[in-house]
Amino acid sequence: MANMQKIGGAPVDVDDPCQVLAALRLVKTKLAAGENVEEFSIKSTATQESVRFTPAKPALLEQEIQRYERLCAEKQGTRTCGRRWKFRY
């Protein structure tokens, strides 16, 4: 039985790393477009304050995307070279 989870509002089988990767990339695109931005404002007679923030952590999201890229590549039988090791001859 598939282990379904909602990621970015879409149901995804979390046992399939390629589906999770696609959903995480969609979340990253929505985050870059400013779709997941919250705004709070406080108004008084003298001042007006406004705060905008996003509930996601972009660095952690990118780390998970890289992890699921590796898992998806392993599932498909392809190799990926890590970004850390670039050989120059």
C-alpha atoms as a PDB file:
ATOM      1  CA  MET A   1       0.000   0.000   0.000  1.00  0.00           C
ATOM      2  CA  ALA A   2       1.266   3.451  -0.867  1.00  0.00           C
ATOM      3  CA  ASN A   3       2.305   5.745   1.946  1.00  0.00           C
ATOM      4  CA  MET A   4       0.603   8.998   0.883  1.00  0.00           C
ATOM      5  CA  GLN A   5       1.543  12.387   2.321  1.00  0.00           C
ATOM      6  CA  LYS A   6       0.614  15.913   1.259  1.00  0.00           C
ATOM      7  CA  ILE A   7       3.569  18.019   0.121  1.00  0.00           C
ATOM      8  CA  GLY A   8       2.788  21.441  -1.258  1.00  0.00           C
ATOM      9  CA  GLY A   9      -0.907  20.599  -1.272  1.00  0.00           C
ATOM     10  CA  ALA A  10      -0.517  17.584  -3.569  1.00  0.00           C
ATOM     11  CA  PRO A  11      -0.743  13.950  -2.410  1.00  0.00           C
ATOM     12  CA  VAL A  12       2.611  12.209  -2.874  1.00  0.00           C
ATOM     13  CA  ASP A  13       3.755   8.631  -2.295  1.00  0.00           C
ATOM     14  CA  VAL A  14       6.649   9.182   0.138  1.00  0.00           C
ATOM     15  CA  ASP A  15       8.045   5.735  -0.658  1.00  0.00           C
ATOM     16  CA  ASP A  16       8.832   6.974  -4.201  1.00  0.00           C
ATOM     17  CA  PRO A  17      11.754   9.437  -3.979  1.00  0.00           C
ATOM     18  CA  CYS A  18      11.149  10.728  -7.528  1.00  0.00           C
ATOM     19  CA  GLN A  19       7.607  11.822  -6.635  1.00  0.00           C
ATOM     20  CA  VAL A  20       8.848  13.492  -3.461  1.00  0.00           C
ATOM     21  CA  LEU A  21      11.576  15.252  -5.465  1.00  0.00           C
ATOM     22  CA  ALA A  22       9.034  16.648  -7.930  1.00  0.00           C
ATOM     23  CA  ALA A  23       6.828  17.876  -5.079  1.00  0.00           C
ATOM     24  CA  LEU A  24       9.760  19.519  -3.279  1.00  0.00           C
ATOM     25  CA  ARG A  25      10.805  21.298  -6.469  1.00  0.00           C
ATOM     26  CA  LEU A  26       7.247  22.579  -6.806  1.00  0.00           C
ATOM     27  CA  VAL A  27       7.352  23.882  -3.228  1.00  0.00           C
ATOM     28  CA  LYS A  28      10.667  25.610  -3.981  1.00  0.00           C
ATOM     29  CA  THR A  29       9.160  27.253  -7.074  1.00  0.00           C
ATOM     30  CA  LYS A  30       6.168  28.467  -5.062  1.00  0.00           C
ATOM     31  CA  LEU A  31       8.508  29.805  -2.397  1.00  0.00           C
ATOM     32  CA  ALA A  32      10.585  31.674  -4.993  1.00  0.00           C
ATOM     33  CA  ALA A  33       7.425  33.159  -6.506  1.00  0.00           C
ATOM     34  CA  GLY A  34       6.413  34.521  -3.113  1.00  0.00           C
ATOM     35  CA  GLU A  35       3.320  32.374  -2.875  1.00  0.00           C
ATOM     36  CA  ASN A  36       4.022  31.252   0.689  1.00  0.00           C
ATOM     37  CA  VAL A  37       4.634  34.685   2.207  1.00  0.00           C
ATOM     38  CA  GLU A  38       2.810  35.799   5.328  1.00  0.00           C
ATOM     39  CA  GLU A  39       2.361  39.458   6.228  1.00  0.00           C
ATOM     40  CA  PHE A  40       1.350  41.022   9.513  1.00  0.00           C
ATOM     41  CA  SER A  41       0.740  44.701  10.029  1.00  0.00           C
ATOM     42  CA  ILE A  42       0.183  46.771  13.144  1.00  0.00           C
ATOM     43  CA  LYS A  43      -1.409  50.175  12.800  1.00  0.00           C
ATOM     44  CA  SER A  44      -1.712  52.854  15.422  1.00  0.00           C
ATOM     45  CA  THR A  45      -2.352  56.574  15.291  1.00  0.00           C
ATOM     46  CA  ALA A  46       1.382  57.371  15.251  1.00  0.00           C
ATOM     47  CA  THR A  47       3.025  54.460  13.407  1.00  0.00           C
ATOM     48  CA  GLN A  48       2.432  51.645  10.996  1.00  0.00           C
ATOM     49  CA  GLU A  49       4.568  48.491  11.145  1.00  0.00           C
ATOM     50  CA  SER A  50       4.527  45.654   8.633  1.00  0.00           C
ATOM     51  CA  VAL A  51       6.387  42.339   8.841  1.00  0.00           C
ATOM     52  CA  ARG A  52       6.702  39.831   5.980  1.00  0.00           C
ATOM     53  CA  PHE A  53       8.112  36.357   6.418  1.00  0.00           C
ATOM     54  CA  THR A  54       8.013  32.907   4.936  1.00  0.00           C
ATOM     55  CA  PRO A  55       7.375  29.857   7.115  1.00  0.00           C
ATOM     56  CA  ALA A  56       9.832  27.728   5.094  1.00  0.00           C
ATOM     57  CA  LYS A  57      13.609  27.486   5.448  1.00  0.00           C
ATOM     58  CA  PRO A  58      15.102  27.702   1.927  1.00  0.00           C
ATOM     59  CA  ALA A  59      18.455  26.193   2.931  1.00  0.00           C
ATOM     60  CA  LEU A  60      16.803  23.154   4.510  1.00  0.00           C
ATOM     61  CA  LEU A  61      14.517  22.780   1.497  1.00  0.00           C
ATOM     62  CA  GLU A  62      17.516  22.810  -0.865  1.00  0.00           C
ATOM     63  CA  GLN A  63      19.262  20.204   1.305  1.00  0.00           C
ATOM     64  CA  GLU A  64      16.228  17.899   1.090  1.00  0.00           C
ATOM     65  CA  ILE A  65      16.019  18.414  -2.680  1.00  0.00           C
ATOM     66  CA  GLN A  66      19.653  17.327  -3.045  1.00  0.00           C
ATOM     67  CA  ARG A  67      19.048  14.282  -0.848  1.00  0.00           C
ATOM     68  CA  TYR A  68      16.019  13.200  -2.870  1.00  0.00           C
ATOM     69  CA  GLU A  69      17.929  13.802  -6.138  1.00  0.00           C
ATOM     70  CA  ARG A  70      20.436  11.180  -4.982  1.00  0.00           C
ATOM     71  CA  LEU A  71      17.705   8.771  -3.849  1.00  0.00           C
ATOM     72  CA  CYS A  72      15.801   9.162  -7.134  1.00  0.00           C
ATOM     73  CA  ALA A  73      18.979   8.603  -9.156  1.00  0.00           C
ATOM     74  CA  GLU A  74      19.714   5.435  -7.168  1.00  0.00           C
ATOM     75  CA  LYS A  75      16.171   4.188  -7.767  1.00  0.00           C
ATOM     76  CA  GLN A  76      16.507   4.779 -11.525  1.00  0.00           C
ATOM     77  CA  GLY A  77      19.945   3.166 -11.600  1.00  0.00           C
ATOM     78  CA  THR A  78      21.880   6.265 -12.593  1.00  0.00           C
ATOM     79  CA  ARG A  79      24.860   7.749 -10.824  1.00  0.00           C
ATOM     80  CA  THR A  80      25.173  11.314  -9.743  1.00  0.00           C
ATOM     81  CA  CYS A  81      28.423  12.977  -8.937  1.00  0.00           C
ATOM     82  CA  GLY A  82      28.276  15.032  -5.791  1.00  0.00           C
ATOM     83  CA  ARG A  83      28.588  18.778  -6.129  1.00  0.00           C
ATOM     84  CA  ARG A  84      31.398  18.746  -3.624  1.00  0.00           C
ATOM     85  CA  TRP A  85      33.836  16.817  -5.793  1.00  0.00           C
ATOM     86  CA  LYS A  86      34.608  18.390  -9.151  1.00  0.00           C
ATOM     87  CA  PHE A  87      37.688  17.060 -10.843  1.00  0.00           C
ATOM     88  CA  ARG A  88      39.710  19.220 -13.203  1.00  0.00           C
ATOM     89  CA  TYR A  89      42.443  17.831 -15.389  1.00  0.00           C
END
